[in-house]
Amino acid sequence: MFVGAAYQSGGFKSYLVRVDQDGDPLWTRVYGGSQWETGNGVEQTSDGGFIVSGGKHRYGSGTSDVHLMRTDALGDTMWTHTYWRGGVMAEDTANSIIITTDGDYVIAGESEHGSGDNADVWLLKIRDNGQVARVDPSRAGYPGLQLRISPLFTDPLVGLMHAHFEIPVPAEATLTVHDVSGRQVETLIAGRVPAGKHTITWDASRHSAGVFFFRLATGNRVIGRKATVLR
């Protein structure tokens, strides 16, 4: 079984192909209407059907959403759902999917908002009815965690860089800076941080020009951002 996308009738459609043990097609299904769709991941469900993850473009907006489709054993659609984080020019897509031991689905994808430098890894857990599984953020690594570095390039005359981050609940957190080799060069935060939005300023003037990485960790959630120091 494999999935993909093919250009048909002025747009991309997702397709699902089931093959036998010799690789010969048993059947092919094509999905999608006026909105472009892509299929990137597929798993067979316990009832012999399939769950397909990918992306679906919103007509006229230039943006895309995570797209999830459930089919029966013959590839006929049972239900479809889309998921998006919101925001202007949001590009959300699912790259792969697995079925968990409790029968839910976990989707791994990416969410890009406004700039190609600001893409996040996006992990979703979905119930078999297509609804997002609800979690307690105090026990699940704070899914509302956000990190933004401004500016992405330091002013060579000032050498200051500002890290803006947000956490949904009070938590033990660390914010560190690493060079391209992975070596930690600065610790900006290490301790209890209240919920809300925060800004930390890093004085990069003590370091040579190059690429650095900010790493924010709390609970079992870790996110990072790349930044460049100029001289």
Protein backbone atom coordinates (compact mmCIF):
# COMPACT_ATOMS: atom_id res chain seq x y z
CA MET A 1 0.00 0.00 0.00
CA PHE A 2 1.32 3.45 -0.85
CA VAL A 3 0.08 7.01 -1.21
CA GLY A 4 1.12 10.07 -3.16
CA ALA A 5 -0.15 12.89 -5.33
CA ALA A 6 -0.81 13.23 -9.06
CA TYR A 7 -1.67 16.24 -11.20
CA GLN A 8 -5.14 15.88 -12.71
CA SER A 9 -7.70 18.31 -14.14
CA GLY A 10 -5.77 21.45 -13.17
CA GLY A 11 -4.79 20.43 -9.65
CA PHE A 12 -3.08 17.85 -7.47
CA LYS A 13 -5.13 14.90 -6.19
CA SER A 14 -4.10 12.40 -3.56
CA TYR A 15 -4.11 8.74 -4.51
CA LEU A 16 -4.07 5.43 -2.69
CA VAL A 17 -2.80 2.26 -4.36
CA ARG A 18 -3.07 -1.26 -2.98
CA VAL A 19 -0.68 -3.82 -4.42
CA ASP A 20 -0.24 -7.56 -4.07
CA GLN A 21 2.89 -9.32 -2.79
CA ASP A 22 4.49 -9.02 -6.24
CA GLY A 23 3.90 -5.27 -6.37
CA ASP A 24 1.11 -5.46 -8.96
CA PRO A 25 -1.78 -3.01 -8.36
CA LEU A 26 -5.02 -4.47 -7.00
CA TRP A 27 -6.85 -1.14 -7.08
CA THR A 28 -6.21 2.60 -7.20
CA ARG A 29 -8.30 5.37 -5.67
CA VAL A 30 -7.95 9.10 -6.40
CA TYR A 31 -9.30 11.74 -3.99
CA GLY A 32 -9.78 15.50 -4.07
CA GLY A 33 -12.03 18.12 -5.57
CA SER A 34 -11.29 21.75 -6.38
CA GLN A 35 -8.73 22.02 -3.54
CA TRP A 36 -5.31 20.46 -4.02
CA GLU A 37 -4.63 17.40 -1.86
CA THR A 38 -1.50 15.34 -1.20
CA GLY A 39 -1.07 11.99 0.51
CA ASN A 40 2.14 11.51 2.50
CA GLY A 41 1.50 8.69 4.99
CA VAL A 42 -0.73 5.62 5.25
CA GLU A 43 -1.41 2.83 7.75
CA GLN A 44 -3.82 -0.09 7.67
CA THR A 45 -6.43 -0.04 10.43
CA SER A 46 -7.63 -3.01 12.49
CA ASP A 47 -10.80 -3.40 10.37
CA GLY A 48 -8.79 -3.71 7.14
CA GLY A 49 -9.33 -0.09 6.11
CA PHE A 50 -6.74 2.67 5.83
CA ILE A 51 -5.88 5.98 7.43
CA VAL A 52 -4.15 8.51 5.15
CA SER A 53 -2.38 11.70 6.23
CA GLY A 54 -1.25 14.59 4.06
CA GLY A 55 -2.06 18.19 3.18
CA LYS A 56 -4.99 20.08 1.70
CA HIS A 57 -4.67 23.54 0.17
CA ARG A 58 -7.33 26.12 0.94
CA TYR A 59 -8.67 27.50 -2.33
CA GLY A 60 -7.46 31.03 -3.12
CA SER A 61 -5.58 31.50 0.15
CA GLY A 62 -2.17 30.08 -0.68
CA THR A 63 -2.23 28.14 2.59
CA SER A 64 -2.67 24.49 3.52
CA ASP A 65 -4.02 22.36 6.36
CA VAL A 66 -3.21 18.93 7.75
CA HIS A 67 -5.59 16.50 6.04
CA LEU A 68 -6.65 13.14 7.45
CA MET A 69 -8.80 10.59 5.62
CA ARG A 70 -10.26 7.28 6.82
CA THR A 71 -11.26 4.65 4.23
CA ASP A 72 -12.70 1.16 4.24
CA ALA A 73 -10.84 -1.90 2.92
CA LEU A 74 -11.68 -0.97 -0.70
CA GLY A 75 -10.44 2.60 -0.37
CA ASP A 76 -13.89 4.20 -0.20
CA THR A 77 -13.94 7.30 2.00
CA MET A 78 -15.53 6.94 5.44
CA TRP A 79 -14.62 10.42 6.76
CA THR A 80 -12.15 13.26 6.28
CA HIS A 81 -10.93 15.97 8.66
CA THR A 82 -8.58 18.95 8.38
CA TYR A 83 -6.55 20.56 11.15
CA TRP A 84 -4.75 23.88 11.30
CA ARG A 85 -3.06 26.05 13.92
CA GLY A 86 -4.36 29.37 12.60
CA GLY A 87 -2.58 32.53 11.61
CA VAL A 88 -1.78 34.40 8.41
CA MET A 89 -0.20 32.42 5.55
CA ALA A 90 -0.14 29.21 7.57
CA GLU A 91 1.31 26.18 5.79
CA ASP A 92 0.40 23.05 7.77
CA THR A 93 0.93 19.52 6.47
CA ALA A 94 1.25 15.95 7.78
CA ASN A 95 4.29 13.93 6.74
CA SER A 96 3.67 10.58 8.44
CA ILE A 97 1.18 8.71 10.61
CA ILE A 98 1.21 5.74 13.00
CA ILE A 99 -1.52 3.83 14.85
CA THR A 100 -0.96 3.72 18.61
CA THR A 101 -1.63 0.75 20.90
CA ASP A 102 -4.85 2.39 22.13
CA GLY A 103 -6.22 2.64 18.58
CA ASP A 104 -5.63 6.36 18.12
CA TYR A 105 -3.51 7.98 15.39
CA VAL A 106 -0.38 10.08 15.84
CA ILE A 107 0.50 12.45 13.00
CA ALA A 108 3.92 14.01 12.58
CA GLY A 109 4.03 17.08 10.38
CA GLU A 110 5.13 20.67 10.13
CA SER A 111 3.56 24.07 10.59
CA GLU A 112 5.05 27.09 8.85
CA HIS A 113 3.72 30.56 9.64
CA GLY A 114 4.67 33.55 7.54
CA SER A 115 8.32 32.69 6.85
CA GLY A 116 10.27 29.62 5.85
CA ASP A 117 12.54 30.23 8.86
CA ASN A 118 9.63 29.71 11.26
CA ALA A 119 8.49 26.14 10.60
CA ASP A 120 7.64 24.04 13.67
CA VAL A 121 7.36 20.31 14.07
CA TRP A 122 3.69 19.58 14.73
CA LEU A 123 2.57 16.40 16.51
CA LEU A 124 -1.14 15.54 16.75
CA LYS A 125 -2.95 12.66 18.40
CA ILE A 126 -6.30 11.91 16.77
CA ARG A 127 -9.14 9.65 17.88
CA ASP A 128 -10.65 7.09 15.49
CA ASN A 129 -13.57 9.47 14.88
CA GLY A 130 -11.20 12.20 13.67
CA GLN A 131 -11.38 14.34 16.80
CA VAL A 132 -8.20 15.68 18.39
CA ALA A 133 -7.29 13.83 21.59
CA ARG A 134 -7.36 16.18 24.58
CA VAL A 135 -4.39 16.20 26.91
CA ASP A 136 -3.52 17.83 30.21
CA PRO A 137 -0.73 20.33 29.40
CA SER A 138 0.71 20.00 32.90
CA ARG A 139 1.39 16.30 32.18
CA ALA A 140 2.11 16.27 28.46
CA GLY A 141 5.06 18.57 27.93
CA TYR A 142 3.12 21.82 27.44
CA PRO A 143 1.80 21.66 23.86
CA GLY A 144 1.25 25.45 23.91
CA LEU A 145 4.99 26.10 24.18
CA GLN A 146 6.22 28.73 21.71
CA LEU A 147 9.63 30.25 20.97
CA ARG A 148 10.41 33.17 18.68
CA ILE A 149 13.80 34.81 18.18
CA SER A 150 13.88 38.49 17.16
CA PRO A 151 15.82 39.53 15.20
CA LEU A 152 17.01 36.38 13.45
CA PHE A 153 20.22 38.28 12.65
CA THR A 154 21.98 40.35 15.30
CA ASP A 155 22.84 43.98 14.76
CA PRO A 156 26.66 43.88 14.40
CA LEU A 157 26.91 47.24 16.20
CA VAL A 158 24.80 46.20 19.17
CA GLY A 159 25.11 42.41 19.31
CA LEU A 160 21.79 41.85 21.08
CA MET A 161 19.24 39.19 20.25
CA HIS A 162 15.84 38.81 21.89
CA ALA A 163 14.19 35.47 22.57
CA HIS A 164 10.42 35.69 22.98
CA PHE A 165 8.73 32.60 24.39
CA GLU A 166 5.39 31.61 25.84
CA ILE A 167 4.32 28.73 28.07
CA PRO A 168 0.69 27.92 29.01
CA VAL A 169 1.31 26.85 32.64
CA PRO A 170 4.03 27.49 35.24
CA ALA A 171 6.90 25.09 34.65
CA GLU A 172 10.55 24.26 35.20
CA ALA A 173 12.25 25.44 32.01
CA THR A 174 15.68 25.90 30.48
CA LEU A 175 16.61 28.23 27.64
CA THR A 176 20.10 27.64 26.29
CA VAL A 177 22.19 28.72 23.30
CA HIS A 178 24.32 26.25 21.31
CA ASP A 179 26.86 26.60 18.51
CA VAL A 180 26.77 24.56 15.29
CA SER A 181 28.71 21.72 16.92
CA GLY A 182 25.99 21.35 19.54
CA ARG A 183 28.16 22.79 22.33
CA GLN A 184 26.20 24.82 24.87
CA VAL A 185 27.62 28.36 25.01
CA GLU A 186 25.06 30.15 27.19
CA THR A 187 22.34 29.35 29.73
CA LEU A 188 19.72 32.08 29.66
CA ILE A 189 17.10 30.46 31.91
CA ALA A 190 17.23 27.54 34.31
CA GLY A 191 14.42 27.29 36.83
CA ARG A 192 10.76 27.88 37.51
CA VAL A 193 9.06 30.13 34.96
CA PRO A 194 5.53 31.54 35.39
CA ALA A 195 2.89 31.05 32.72
CA GLY A 196 2.64 33.67 30.00
CA LYS A 197 4.84 35.54 27.56
CA HIS A 198 8.50 36.26 28.32
CA THR A 199 11.42 38.01 26.65
CA ILE A 200 15.09 37.25 27.33
CA THR A 201 17.93 39.25 25.77
CA TRP A 202 21.14 37.50 24.73
CA ASP A 203 24.33 39.52 24.37
CA ALA A 204 25.99 37.86 21.38
CA SER A 205 28.87 40.35 21.26
CA ARG A 206 31.03 37.94 23.26
CA HIS A 207 30.81 35.33 20.52
CA SER A 208 32.21 35.11 17.02
CA ALA A 209 30.03 35.43 13.94
CA GLY A 210 28.14 32.32 12.88
CA VAL A 211 25.01 30.23 13.31
CA PHE A 212 23.63 29.51 16.77
CA PHE A 213 20.63 27.57 18.05
CA PHE A 214 18.27 28.52 20.88
CA ARG A 215 16.85 25.52 22.76
CA LEU A 216 13.81 25.84 25.03
CA ALA A 217 12.94 22.77 27.12
CA THR A 218 10.14 22.20 29.63
CA GLY A 219 8.41 19.00 30.68
CA ASN A 220 9.06 16.53 27.86
CA ARG A 221 8.80 19.22 25.17
CA VAL A 222 11.83 20.70 23.43
CA ILE A 223 11.76 23.29 20.66
CA GLY A 224 14.56 25.18 18.95
CA ARG A 225 15.26 28.12 16.69
CA LYS A 226 18.22 29.02 14.50
CA ALA A 227 19.77 32.50 14.60
CA THR A 228 22.76 34.10 12.89
CA VAL A 229 25.31 36.43 14.47
CA LEU A 230 26.93 38.90 12.06
CA ARG A 231 30.17 40.81 12.44
